[in-house]
Protein backbone atom coordinates (compact mmCIF):
# COMPACT_ATOMS: atom_id res chain seq x y z
CA UNK A 1 0.00 0.00 0.00
CA UNK A 2 1.00 3.57 -0.54
CA UNK A 3 1.25 5.37 2.74
CA UNK A 4 1.21 9.18 2.69
CA UNK A 5 4.55 10.82 3.18
CA UNK A 6 4.68 12.66 6.52
CA UNK A 7 4.82 16.41 6.15
CA UNK A 8 7.61 18.40 7.75
CA UNK A 9 6.69 20.37 10.85
CA UNK A 10 5.49 23.95 10.59
CA UNK A 11 7.95 26.69 11.47
CA UNK A 12 7.30 28.24 14.87
CA UNK A 13 8.94 31.44 13.67
CA UNK A 14 6.44 31.66 10.80
CA UNK A 15 3.51 31.17 13.16
CA UNK A 16 4.84 33.75 15.63
CA UNK A 17 5.31 36.20 12.74
CA UNK A 18 1.61 36.02 11.89
CA UNK A 19 0.63 36.40 15.55
CA UNK A 20 2.90 39.41 16.04
CA UNK A 21 1.71 40.85 12.72
CA UNK A 22 -1.92 40.73 13.82
CA UNK A 23 -1.01 42.23 17.20
CA UNK A 24 0.99 44.91 15.38
CA UNK A 25 -2.19 46.23 13.76
CA UNK A 26 -3.23 47.44 17.23
CA UNK A 27 -1.82 50.77 18.44
CA UNK A 28 1.38 49.18 19.81
CA UNK A 29 4.65 49.20 17.89
CA UNK A 30 6.65 46.51 19.69
CA UNK A 31 4.80 43.62 17.97
CA UNK A 32 5.51 45.25 14.60
CA UNK A 33 9.26 44.92 15.12
CA UNK A 34 8.82 41.33 16.33
CA UNK A 35 6.68 40.51 13.27
CA UNK A 36 9.33 41.87 10.92
CA UNK A 37 12.18 40.02 12.61
CA UNK A 38 10.38 36.67 12.96
CA UNK A 39 8.99 37.00 9.42
CA UNK A 40 12.46 37.32 7.92
CA UNK A 41 13.84 34.54 10.11
CA UNK A 42 10.83 32.34 9.28
CA UNK A 43 11.34 32.84 5.55
CA UNK A 44 15.00 31.92 5.88
CA UNK A 45 14.12 28.84 7.92
CA UNK A 46 11.49 27.57 5.48
CA UNK A 47 13.73 28.07 2.44
CA UNK A 48 15.60 24.83 3.20
CA UNK A 49 12.45 22.69 3.03
CA UNK A 50 12.97 21.00 6.40
CA UNK A 51 10.05 22.97 7.85
CA UNK A 52 7.00 24.39 6.14
CA UNK A 53 5.17 27.66 6.66
CA UNK A 54 6.74 30.04 4.16
CA UNK A 55 3.35 31.52 3.36
CA UNK A 56 2.69 32.19 7.02
CA UNK A 57 6.06 33.88 7.38
CA UNK A 58 5.38 36.03 4.31
CA UNK A 59 1.94 36.96 5.65
CA UNK A 60 3.44 37.95 9.01
CA UNK A 61 6.07 40.03 7.23
CA UNK A 62 3.39 41.83 5.18
CA UNK A 63 1.33 42.47 8.32
CA UNK A 64 4.45 43.79 10.04
CA UNK A 65 5.11 46.17 7.14
CA UNK A 66 1.48 47.31 7.22
CA UNK A 67 1.69 47.89 10.97
CA UNK A 68 4.91 49.85 10.54
CA UNK A 69 3.33 52.01 7.82
CA UNK A 70 0.33 52.62 10.08
CA UNK A 71 2.58 53.56 12.99
CA UNK A 72 4.62 55.96 10.85
CA UNK A 73 1.59 57.67 9.32
CA UNK A 74 -0.11 58.17 12.66
CA UNK A 75 3.06 59.42 14.31
CA UNK A 76 4.15 61.69 11.47
CA UNK A 77 1.94 64.68 12.48
CA UNK A 78 3.71 64.64 15.83
CA UNK A 79 7.07 65.21 14.16
CA UNK A 80 6.17 67.79 11.52
C-alpha atoms as a PDB file:
ATOM      1  CA  UNK A   1       0.000   0.000   0.000  1.00  0.00           C
ATOM      2  CA  UNK A   2       0.995   3.575  -0.542  1.00  0.00           C
ATOM      3  CA  UNK A   3       1.250   5.371   2.738  1.00  0.00           C
ATOM      4  CA  UNK A   4       1.209   9.179   2.686  1.00  0.00           C
ATOM      5  CA  UNK A   5       4.555  10.822   3.183  1.00  0.00           C
ATOM      6  CA  UNK A   6       4.677  12.657   6.522  1.00  0.00           C
ATOM      7  CA  UNK A   7       4.819  16.415   6.150  1.00  0.00           C
ATOM      8  CA  UNK A   8       7.611  18.397   7.746  1.00  0.00           C
ATOM      9  CA  UNK A   9       6.691  20.370  10.854  1.00  0.00           C
ATOM     10  CA  UNK A  10       5.493  23.950  10.592  1.00  0.00           C
ATOM     11  CA  UNK A  11       7.950  26.692  11.471  1.00  0.00           C
ATOM     12  CA  UNK A  12       7.300  28.235  14.869  1.00  0.00           C
ATOM     13  CA  UNK A  13       8.943  31.443  13.668  1.00  0.00           C
ATOM     14  CA  UNK A  14       6.442  31.660  10.801  1.00  0.00           C
ATOM     15  CA  UNK A  15       3.513  31.172  13.158  1.00  0.00           C
ATOM     16  CA  UNK A  16       4.838  33.752  15.626  1.00  0.00           C
ATOM     17  CA  UNK A  17       5.314  36.198  12.741  1.00  0.00           C
ATOM     18  CA  UNK A  18       1.609  36.019  11.893  1.00  0.00           C
ATOM     19  CA  UNK A  19       0.628  36.395  15.546  1.00  0.00           C
ATOM     20  CA  UNK A  20       2.901  39.411  16.039  1.00  0.00           C
ATOM     21  CA  UNK A  21       1.707  40.846  12.724  1.00  0.00           C
ATOM     22  CA  UNK A  22      -1.921  40.728  13.819  1.00  0.00           C
ATOM     23  CA  UNK A  23      -1.009  42.226  17.197  1.00  0.00           C
ATOM     24  CA  UNK A  24       0.986  44.912  15.382  1.00  0.00           C
ATOM     25  CA  UNK A  25      -2.186  46.234  13.763  1.00  0.00           C
ATOM     26  CA  UNK A  26      -3.226  47.439  17.227  1.00  0.00           C
ATOM     27  CA  UNK A  27      -1.823  50.771  18.439  1.00  0.00           C
ATOM     28  CA  UNK A  28       1.381  49.181  19.808  1.00  0.00           C
ATOM     29  CA  UNK A  29       4.650  49.204  17.890  1.00  0.00           C
ATOM     30  CA  UNK A  30       6.654  46.507  19.686  1.00  0.00           C
ATOM     31  CA  UNK A  31       4.797  43.623  17.966  1.00  0.00           C
ATOM     32  CA  UNK A  32       5.514  45.252  14.595  1.00  0.00           C
ATOM     33  CA  UNK A  33       9.265  44.917  15.118  1.00  0.00           C
ATOM     34  CA  UNK A  34       8.823  41.334  16.329  1.00  0.00           C
ATOM     35  CA  UNK A  35       6.681  40.508  13.271  1.00  0.00           C
ATOM     36  CA  UNK A  36       9.327  41.873  10.922  1.00  0.00           C
ATOM     37  CA  UNK A  37      12.177  40.015  12.606  1.00  0.00           C
ATOM     38  CA  UNK A  38      10.385  36.674  12.958  1.00  0.00           C
ATOM     39  CA  UNK A  39       8.993  37.001   9.418  1.00  0.00           C
ATOM     40  CA  UNK A  40      12.462  37.318   7.917  1.00  0.00           C
ATOM     41  CA  UNK A  41      13.839  34.536  10.108  1.00  0.00           C
ATOM     42  CA  UNK A  42      10.833  32.337   9.281  1.00  0.00           C
ATOM     43  CA  UNK A  43      11.339  32.841   5.546  1.00  0.00           C
ATOM     44  CA  UNK A  44      15.002  31.922   5.883  1.00  0.00           C
ATOM     45  CA  UNK A  45      14.123  28.842   7.918  1.00  0.00           C
ATOM     46  CA  UNK A  46      11.493  27.572   5.478  1.00  0.00           C
ATOM     47  CA  UNK A  47      13.729  28.073   2.439  1.00  0.00           C
ATOM     48  CA  UNK A  48      15.600  24.833   3.195  1.00  0.00           C
ATOM     49  CA  UNK A  49      12.449  22.689   3.034  1.00  0.00           C
ATOM     50  CA  UNK A  50      12.968  21.002   6.397  1.00  0.00           C
ATOM     51  CA  UNK A  51      10.051  22.971   7.851  1.00  0.00           C
ATOM     52  CA  UNK A  52       6.995  24.386   6.144  1.00  0.00           C
ATOM     53  CA  UNK A  53       5.172  27.657   6.657  1.00  0.00           C
ATOM     54  CA  UNK A  54       6.744  30.038   4.161  1.00  0.00           C
ATOM     55  CA  UNK A  55       3.348  31.520   3.356  1.00  0.00           C
ATOM     56  CA  UNK A  56       2.687  32.187   7.020  1.00  0.00           C
ATOM     57  CA  UNK A  57       6.065  33.880   7.384  1.00  0.00           C
ATOM     58  CA  UNK A  58       5.381  36.033   4.314  1.00  0.00           C
ATOM     59  CA  UNK A  59       1.936  36.962   5.648  1.00  0.00           C
ATOM     60  CA  UNK A  60       3.438  37.952   9.006  1.00  0.00           C
ATOM     61  CA  UNK A  61       6.065  40.029   7.226  1.00  0.00           C
ATOM     62  CA  UNK A  62       3.394  41.827   5.183  1.00  0.00           C
ATOM     63  CA  UNK A  63       1.332  42.466   8.317  1.00  0.00           C
ATOM     64  CA  UNK A  64       4.453  43.791  10.035  1.00  0.00           C
ATOM     65  CA  UNK A  65       5.111  46.173   7.145  1.00  0.00           C
ATOM     66  CA  UNK A  66       1.475  47.311   7.224  1.00  0.00           C
ATOM     67  CA  UNK A  67       1.693  47.892  10.974  1.00  0.00           C
ATOM     68  CA  UNK A  68       4.915  49.847  10.540  1.00  0.00           C
ATOM     69  CA  UNK A  69       3.326  52.009   7.823  1.00  0.00           C
ATOM     70  CA  UNK A  70       0.327  52.621  10.082  1.00  0.00           C
ATOM     71  CA  UNK A  71       2.577  53.561  12.989  1.00  0.00           C
ATOM     72  CA  UNK A  72       4.621  55.957  10.850  1.00  0.00           C
ATOM     73  CA  UNK A  73       1.592  57.673   9.318  1.00  0.00           C
ATOM     74  CA  UNK A  74      -0.109  58.171  12.663  1.00  0.00           C
ATOM     75  CA  UNK A  75       3.059  59.421  14.312  1.00  0.00           C
ATOM     76  CA  UNK A  76       4.149  61.686  11.469  1.00  0.00           C
ATOM     77  CA  UNK A  77       1.937  64.682  12.476  1.00  0.00           C
ATOM     78  CA  UNK A  78       3.707  64.639  15.825  1.00  0.00           C
ATOM     79  CA  UNK A  79       7.073  65.208  14.162  1.00  0.00           C
ATOM     80  CA  UNK A  80       6.169  67.795  11.521  1.00  0.00           C
END
